[in-house]
């Protein structure tokens, strides 16, 4: 069975304006178990940061 990678994020979101508009969302996120945090003014900034964090996660070879 292939190794599994896992990550847990705490994400807080709020809308400054119309929540239907992507540009109104702001937030902050944390990768649990690390000191890695991100504050963002656009959802795309959060997604980019999360992808970067996930690319650095080591597979857990003990799972399965």
C-alpha atoms as a PDB file:
ATOM      1  CA  UNK A   1       0.000   0.000   0.000  1.00  0.00           C
ATOM      2  CA  UNK A   2       1.432   3.435  -0.886  1.00  0.00           C
ATOM      3  CA  UNK A   3       2.386   5.855   1.858  1.00  0.00           C
ATOM      4  CA  UNK A   4      -0.224   8.420   2.882  1.00  0.00           C
ATOM      5  CA  UNK A   5       0.343  12.127   3.397  1.00  0.00           C
ATOM      6  CA  UNK A   6      -1.845  14.075   5.821  1.00  0.00           C
ATOM      7  CA  UNK A   7      -2.106  17.696   6.891  1.00  0.00           C
ATOM      8  CA  UNK A   8      -4.513  19.562   9.153  1.00  0.00           C
ATOM      9  CA  UNK A   9      -5.240  23.247   8.684  1.00  0.00           C
ATOM     10  CA  UNK A  10      -7.179  25.670  10.853  1.00  0.00           C
ATOM     11  CA  UNK A  11      -8.778  28.281   8.589  1.00  0.00           C
ATOM     12  CA  UNK A  12     -10.710  31.380   9.625  1.00  0.00           C
ATOM     13  CA  UNK A  13     -12.648  33.220   6.923  1.00  0.00           C
ATOM     14  CA  UNK A  14     -14.722  36.376   6.909  1.00  0.00           C
ATOM     15  CA  UNK A  15     -16.270  38.498   4.184  1.00  0.00           C
ATOM     16  CA  UNK A  16     -15.682  42.238   3.904  1.00  0.00           C
ATOM     17  CA  UNK A  17     -18.645  42.979   1.693  1.00  0.00           C
ATOM     18  CA  UNK A  18     -20.746  40.706  -0.498  1.00  0.00           C
ATOM     19  CA  UNK A  19     -19.873  37.068   0.348  1.00  0.00           C
ATOM     20  CA  UNK A  20     -20.833  36.061  -3.201  1.00  0.00           C
ATOM     21  CA  UNK A  21     -17.780  37.949  -4.468  1.00  0.00           C
ATOM     22  CA  UNK A  22     -14.505  36.056  -4.116  1.00  0.00           C
ATOM     23  CA  UNK A  23     -12.602  39.323  -3.666  1.00  0.00           C
ATOM     24  CA  UNK A  24     -14.485  40.106  -0.445  1.00  0.00           C
ATOM     25  CA  UNK A  25     -13.086  37.111   1.468  1.00  0.00           C
ATOM     26  CA  UNK A  26     -10.243  37.546   3.960  1.00  0.00           C
ATOM     27  CA  UNK A  27      -8.746  35.157   6.431  1.00  0.00           C
ATOM     28  CA  UNK A  28      -5.937  33.461   8.191  1.00  0.00           C
ATOM     29  CA  UNK A  29      -4.752  29.892   8.242  1.00  0.00           C
ATOM     30  CA  UNK A  30      -2.385  27.730  10.238  1.00  0.00           C
ATOM     31  CA  UNK A  31      -0.800  24.385   9.473  1.00  0.00           C
ATOM     32  CA  UNK A  32      -1.418  22.456  12.698  1.00  0.00           C
ATOM     33  CA  UNK A  33       1.709  21.186  14.421  1.00  0.00           C
ATOM     34  CA  UNK A  34       3.971  23.785  12.817  1.00  0.00           C
ATOM     35  CA  UNK A  35       4.617  27.488  13.138  1.00  0.00           C
ATOM     36  CA  UNK A  36       3.430  28.014   9.552  1.00  0.00           C
ATOM     37  CA  UNK A  37       0.749  30.677   9.291  1.00  0.00           C
ATOM     38  CA  UNK A  38      -0.754  32.727   6.497  1.00  0.00           C
ATOM     39  CA  UNK A  39      -2.889  35.863   6.456  1.00  0.00           C
ATOM     40  CA  UNK A  40      -4.596  36.504   3.165  1.00  0.00           C
ATOM     41  CA  UNK A  41      -6.743  39.122   1.481  1.00  0.00           C
ATOM     42  CA  UNK A  42      -7.729  36.924  -1.467  1.00  0.00           C
ATOM     43  CA  UNK A  43      -8.735  33.265  -1.532  1.00  0.00           C
ATOM     44  CA  UNK A  44      -6.149  32.639  -4.258  1.00  0.00           C
ATOM     45  CA  UNK A  45      -3.381  33.697  -1.847  1.00  0.00           C
ATOM     46  CA  UNK A  46      -4.570  31.079   0.644  1.00  0.00           C
ATOM     47  CA  UNK A  47      -4.782  28.355  -2.005  1.00  0.00           C
ATOM     48  CA  UNK A  48      -1.238  29.130  -3.202  1.00  0.00           C
ATOM     49  CA  UNK A  49       0.099  29.036   0.373  1.00  0.00           C
ATOM     50  CA  UNK A  50      -1.720  25.763   1.121  1.00  0.00           C
ATOM     51  CA  UNK A  51      -0.330  24.128  -2.041  1.00  0.00           C
ATOM     52  CA  UNK A  52       3.174  25.203  -1.029  1.00  0.00           C
ATOM     53  CA  UNK A  53       2.728  23.724   2.456  1.00  0.00           C
ATOM     54  CA  UNK A  54       1.322  20.467   1.085  1.00  0.00           C
ATOM     55  CA  UNK A  55       4.221  20.062  -1.335  1.00  0.00           C
ATOM     56  CA  UNK A  56       6.569  19.932   1.672  1.00  0.00           C
ATOM     57  CA  UNK A  57       4.678  17.230   3.618  1.00  0.00           C
ATOM     58  CA  UNK A  58       6.558  13.965   3.957  1.00  0.00           C
ATOM     59  CA  UNK A  59       4.581  10.765   3.311  1.00  0.00           C
ATOM     60  CA  UNK A  60       3.765   8.726   6.424  1.00  0.00           C
ATOM     61  CA  UNK A  61       5.194   5.295   5.618  1.00  0.00           C
ATOM     62  CA  UNK A  62       3.851   3.831   8.885  1.00  0.00           C
ATOM     63  CA  UNK A  63       0.201   4.240   7.842  1.00  0.00           C
ATOM     64  CA  UNK A  64      -1.783   1.386   6.468  1.00  0.00           C
END
